[in-house]
Amino acid sequence: MQRKDGTCYLCKKLYMGDWIQPTHEHHIMFGSADRKLSEHYGLKVYLCLGHHEMSKEAVHEDKEMNLILRRDAERAFIKKYSFEKWMEVFGKNYLDEYTPERRKYGYKSND
């Protein structure tokens, strides 16, 4: 999802900050089995220490920040594979726009 370029994925997304800083690799789908799947499918980003572990906005502390990343990961995965494959691999939908009812009636995401 992101090249390692010294920028924090969330600083860039939320604050348009593209300053170079130390970053940590973060597997978006974490936990032992999901971490391996995250690695396999490239669902990882680089985060500054604050967004990774050391602030109120850290993805390991803040459910909303974690959800932002999971939604972005699901969108990226769906673009490359499909919603059905996402559900087969990860088993949970994080995107409101991809509920089965909306998909059934032809709703398309703008992403």
Protein backbone atom coordinates (compact mmCIF):
# COMPACT_ATOMS: atom_id res chain seq x y z
CA MET A 1 0.00 0.00 0.00
CA GLN A 2 2.94 2.34 0.62
CA ARG A 3 6.59 2.50 -0.40
CA LYS A 4 9.06 2.95 2.41
CA ASP A 5 9.96 6.59 1.80
CA GLY A 6 10.36 7.98 5.32
CA THR A 7 6.87 9.46 5.50
CA CYS A 8 4.09 8.42 7.86
CA TYR A 9 1.01 7.12 6.04
CA LEU A 10 -1.38 8.72 8.55
CA CYS A 11 0.47 12.05 8.84
CA LYS A 12 0.27 12.32 5.06
CA LYS A 13 -3.39 11.22 4.86
CA LEU A 14 -4.76 13.22 7.79
CA TYR A 15 -2.50 16.29 7.99
CA MET A 16 -0.94 16.45 4.52
CA GLY A 17 2.41 16.12 6.25
CA ASP A 18 5.11 14.71 4.00
CA TRP A 19 8.08 15.42 6.21
CA ILE A 20 10.74 12.74 6.49
CA GLN A 21 10.89 11.07 9.90
CA PRO A 22 11.68 7.70 11.43
CA THR A 23 8.87 5.26 10.67
CA HIS A 24 7.86 1.78 11.76
CA GLU A 25 6.41 -0.88 9.49
CA HIS A 26 2.81 -1.64 10.48
CA HIS A 27 0.88 -4.67 9.26
CA ILE A 28 -2.69 -3.43 8.99
CA MET A 29 -4.26 -6.79 9.67
CA PHE A 30 -2.36 -7.85 12.78
CA GLY A 31 -2.47 -10.88 15.02
CA SER A 32 -0.40 -13.89 14.12
CA ALA A 33 -2.40 -15.36 11.19
CA ASP A 34 -3.61 -11.99 9.89
CA ARG A 35 -0.10 -10.51 10.08
CA LYS A 36 1.12 -13.19 7.67
CA LEU A 37 -1.80 -12.47 5.32
CA SER A 38 -1.12 -8.74 5.60
CA GLU A 39 2.49 -9.36 4.60
CA HIS A 40 1.49 -11.68 1.76
CA TYR A 41 -0.98 -9.20 0.24
CA GLY A 42 1.13 -6.08 0.92
CA LEU A 43 -1.32 -4.60 3.42
CA LYS A 44 1.21 -2.65 5.40
CA VAL A 45 2.16 0.98 5.82
CA TYR A 46 4.87 2.98 7.52
CA LEU A 47 3.90 5.04 10.55
CA CYS A 48 5.67 7.57 12.74
CA LEU A 49 6.12 6.51 16.36
CA GLY A 50 3.15 8.67 17.41
CA HIS A 51 0.75 7.07 14.96
CA HIS A 52 2.10 3.60 15.59
CA GLU A 53 2.39 3.28 19.38
CA MET A 54 3.03 6.47 21.32
CA SER A 55 0.03 8.82 21.27
CA LYS A 56 -3.73 9.00 21.58
CA GLU A 57 -3.84 8.62 17.76
CA ALA A 58 -1.70 5.46 17.73
CA VAL A 59 -3.28 2.65 15.71
CA HIS A 60 -2.60 0.18 18.51
CA GLU A 61 -4.55 2.43 20.90
CA ASP A 62 -7.19 4.28 18.84
CA LYS A 63 -9.94 2.17 17.26
CA GLU A 64 -10.84 4.93 14.77
CA MET A 65 -7.26 5.18 13.47
CA ASN A 66 -7.12 1.41 13.16
CA LEU A 67 -10.42 1.47 11.24
CA ILE A 68 -9.08 4.11 8.82
CA LEU A 69 -6.22 1.78 7.92
CA ARG A 70 -8.42 -1.30 7.66
CA ARG A 71 -10.81 0.51 5.33
CA ASP A 72 -7.93 1.70 3.16
CA ALA A 73 -6.51 -1.84 3.12
CA GLU A 74 -9.85 -3.31 2.11
CA ARG A 75 -10.27 -0.75 -0.70
CA ALA A 76 -6.76 -1.48 -2.01
CA PHE A 77 -7.36 -5.24 -1.82
CA ILE A 78 -10.74 -5.01 -3.60
CA LYS A 79 -9.22 -2.96 -6.42
CA LYS A 80 -6.66 -5.68 -7.05
CA TYR A 81 -8.74 -8.79 -6.27
CA SER A 82 -12.43 -8.55 -5.33
CA PHE A 83 -14.78 -8.04 -2.44
CA GLU A 84 -15.56 -11.75 -2.45
CA LYS A 85 -11.84 -12.60 -2.16
CA TRP A 86 -11.49 -10.10 0.70
CA MET A 87 -14.30 -11.82 2.59
CA GLU A 88 -12.81 -15.24 1.84
CA VAL A 89 -9.38 -14.21 3.17
CA PHE A 90 -10.25 -11.82 6.03
CA GLY A 91 -13.92 -12.59 6.75
CA LYS A 92 -14.91 -9.10 7.91
CA ASN A 93 -16.15 -6.09 5.94
CA TYR A 94 -14.93 -2.71 7.20
CA LEU A 95 -16.56 -0.65 4.42
CA ASP A 96 -20.14 0.50 4.75
CA GLU A 97 -20.33 0.95 0.98
CA TYR A 98 -19.65 -2.72 0.38
CA THR A 99 -22.50 -4.23 2.34
CA PRO A 100 -24.00 -7.19 0.48
CA GLU A 101 -27.31 -5.35 0.09
CA ARG A 102 -25.71 -2.38 -1.65
CA ARG A 103 -23.59 -4.59 -3.89
CA LYS A 104 -26.66 -6.64 -4.81
CA TYR A 105 -28.37 -3.52 -6.16
CA GLY A 106 -25.39 -2.34 -8.17
CA TYR A 107 -23.92 0.26 -5.84
CA LYS A 108 -20.35 1.08 -6.90
CA SER A 109 -17.76 2.76 -4.73
CA ASN A 110 -16.14 5.95 -6.04
CA ASP A 111 -12.71 4.68 -5.00
